[in-house]
Amino acid sequence: MSAPNPYALPATTHSYLARAAESLSEAMVDAEVPARYACAHVAALRAAAALLAARAHPAPARRRPQKNAWVLLAEVAPELAEWARFFSAGAGKRAAAEAGSVRAVTEREADDLVRDADRFLAVEQSLGLVPHAPARAQVVRHVS
């Protein structure tokens, strides 16, 4: 599929991408490991939502089974199916982290997910947009 005209993208696509960047920024500076993981996962989810807003064509409601964003992403953008499986696998950890579990994820997992979410935000290119500048290699955190 050819990249869409960035000027013809729905406003929701741009909004989701902006919110994805905000979530990623939060993840990069949060000192709390569970929050860092959750924010990074939400950043990826919002980037997926941006792509879905641009490319998905909803089926009539009576024939449409419920599917989560990662399943839809793999259907709408098969080239991102591996990313969809990866982030789908982390949804349970994100839920536990959001629920306040300090044992849900390790610091390494949180830092790795921040970097992976940053790489995933390159979906901007598949939308015909200029990709964001990748984050620095090291995650920056506030030191208390």
Protein backbone atom coordinates (compact mmCIF):
# COMPACT_ATOMS: atom_id res chain seq x y z
CA MET A 1 0.00 0.00 0.00
CA SER A 2 1.40 3.40 -0.89
CA ALA A 3 1.81 6.00 1.81
CA PRO A 4 -1.15 8.35 2.10
CA ASN A 5 -0.89 12.04 1.49
CA PRO A 6 0.00 13.47 4.93
CA TYR A 7 -2.27 16.44 4.25
CA ALA A 8 -5.23 14.11 3.69
CA LEU A 9 -4.80 12.19 6.95
CA PRO A 10 -7.64 12.47 9.48
CA ALA A 11 -7.10 14.91 12.33
CA THR A 12 -7.37 11.97 14.73
CA THR A 13 -4.23 10.46 13.19
CA HIS A 14 -2.24 13.59 13.97
CA SER A 15 -3.79 13.80 17.44
CA TYR A 16 -2.89 10.19 18.28
CA LEU A 17 0.67 10.72 17.07
CA ALA A 18 1.03 13.83 19.21
CA ARG A 19 -0.36 11.98 22.22
CA ALA A 20 1.99 9.05 21.50
CA ALA A 21 4.95 11.43 21.56
CA GLU A 22 3.72 12.90 24.87
CA SER A 23 3.40 9.45 26.42
CA LEU A 24 6.86 8.51 25.19
CA SER A 25 8.29 11.71 26.68
CA GLU A 26 6.64 10.88 30.00
CA ALA A 27 8.09 7.37 29.88
CA MET A 28 11.57 8.72 29.26
CA VAL A 29 11.63 10.88 32.36
CA ASP A 30 9.50 8.96 34.87
CA ALA A 31 11.53 7.65 37.79
CA GLU A 32 8.98 4.95 38.64
CA VAL A 33 9.64 1.71 36.75
CA PRO A 34 5.98 0.60 36.43
CA ALA A 35 4.92 4.05 35.20
CA ARG A 36 7.78 4.14 32.70
CA TYR A 37 6.71 0.78 31.26
CA ALA A 38 3.02 1.73 31.18
CA CYS A 39 3.68 5.09 29.49
CA ALA A 40 5.90 3.47 26.87
CA HIS A 41 3.26 0.84 26.12
CA VAL A 42 0.55 3.50 25.88
CA ALA A 43 2.79 5.49 23.50
CA ALA A 44 2.96 2.47 21.20
CA LEU A 45 -0.79 1.91 21.50
CA ARG A 46 -1.46 5.51 20.52
CA ALA A 47 0.86 5.20 17.53
CA ALA A 48 -1.06 2.09 16.49
CA ALA A 49 -4.32 4.00 16.89
CA ALA A 50 -2.94 6.73 14.62
CA LEU A 51 -2.21 4.23 11.90
CA LEU A 52 -5.61 2.58 12.33
CA ALA A 53 -7.32 5.98 12.11
CA ALA A 54 -5.54 6.56 8.81
CA ARG A 55 -5.92 3.15 7.22
CA ALA A 56 -8.77 1.17 8.75
CA HIS A 57 -12.13 0.91 7.06
CA PRO A 58 -14.71 -0.28 9.59
CA ALA A 59 -17.02 -3.13 8.62
CA PRO A 60 -20.74 -2.82 9.31
CA ALA A 61 -21.38 -3.19 13.05
CA ARG A 62 -23.52 -6.31 12.74
CA ARG A 63 -20.66 -8.25 11.13
CA ARG A 64 -17.80 -6.85 13.13
CA PRO A 65 -16.37 -9.02 15.91
CA GLN A 66 -14.57 -7.23 18.76
CA LYS A 67 -10.82 -7.03 18.17
CA ASN A 68 -8.15 -5.23 20.11
CA ALA A 69 -5.92 -2.62 18.49
CA TRP A 70 -2.99 -5.01 18.08
CA VAL A 71 -5.08 -7.57 16.19
CA LEU A 72 -6.48 -4.81 13.99
CA LEU A 73 -3.03 -3.39 13.38
CA ALA A 74 -1.75 -6.75 12.13
CA GLU A 75 -4.73 -6.95 9.75
CA VAL A 76 -4.54 -3.37 8.48
CA ALA A 77 -0.75 -3.15 8.33
CA PRO A 78 0.66 -6.68 7.89
CA GLU A 79 4.16 -5.21 7.71
CA LEU A 80 3.74 -4.31 11.40
CA ALA A 81 2.40 -7.70 12.52
CA GLU A 82 5.58 -8.53 14.45
CA TRP A 83 5.33 -5.25 16.34
CA ALA A 84 1.65 -5.94 17.01
CA ARG A 85 2.46 -9.35 18.51
CA PHE A 86 5.27 -7.86 20.58
CA PHE A 87 3.18 -5.09 22.11
CA SER A 88 0.16 -7.34 22.54
CA ALA A 89 2.31 -9.68 24.63
CA GLY A 90 3.17 -6.79 26.96
CA ALA A 91 -0.43 -5.69 27.60
CA GLY A 92 -0.78 -7.80 30.73
CA LYS A 93 2.39 -6.35 32.22
CA ARG A 94 1.14 -2.86 31.40
CA ALA A 95 -2.15 -3.58 33.18
CA ALA A 96 -0.31 -4.85 36.25
CA ALA A 97 2.01 -1.82 36.20
CA GLU A 98 -0.95 0.55 35.91
CA ALA A 99 -2.59 -1.25 38.83
CA GLY A 100 0.42 -0.34 40.95
CA SER A 101 2.38 -3.59 40.97
CA VAL A 102 6.02 -2.75 41.61
CA ARG A 103 6.99 -6.31 40.63
CA ALA A 104 5.19 -6.31 37.29
CA VAL A 105 8.27 -5.28 35.32
CA THR A 106 11.97 -4.86 35.89
CA GLU A 107 13.87 -1.66 35.28
CA ARG A 108 15.54 -3.30 32.27
CA GLU A 109 12.14 -4.27 30.78
CA ALA A 110 10.87 -0.73 31.25
CA ASP A 111 13.95 0.83 29.65
CA ASP A 112 13.85 -1.67 26.77
CA LEU A 113 10.17 -0.94 26.14
CA VAL A 114 10.84 2.81 26.06
CA ARG A 115 13.43 2.24 23.33
CA ASP A 116 11.12 -0.17 21.46
CA ALA A 117 8.19 2.26 21.63
CA ASP A 118 10.47 5.01 20.32
CA ARG A 119 11.40 2.80 17.35
CA PHE A 120 7.76 1.86 16.78
CA LEU A 121 6.74 5.50 16.51
CA ALA A 122 8.44 5.36 13.11
CA VAL A 123 4.99 4.34 11.84
CA GLU A 124 4.91 8.02 10.98
CA GLN A 125 6.89 7.14 7.85
CA SER A 126 4.27 4.62 6.71
CA LEU A 127 1.76 7.48 6.92
CA GLY A 128 3.84 9.68 4.66
CA LEU A 129 5.00 11.86 7.54
CA VAL A 130 8.49 12.91 8.51
CA PRO A 131 9.57 10.59 11.34
CA HIS A 132 10.21 12.03 14.76
CA ALA A 133 13.80 12.35 15.90
CA PRO A 134 14.68 9.18 17.82
CA ALA A 135 15.33 9.55 21.50
CA ARG A 136 18.82 9.39 22.85
CA ALA A 137 20.11 5.88 23.44
CA GLN A 138 19.87 6.29 27.20
CA VAL A 139 16.61 6.78 28.98
CA VAL A 140 16.65 10.00 30.99
CA ARG A 141 15.16 9.89 34.46
CA HIS A 142 14.75 12.39 37.24
CA VAL A 143 17.00 11.54 40.15
CA SER A 144 15.44 12.04 43.54
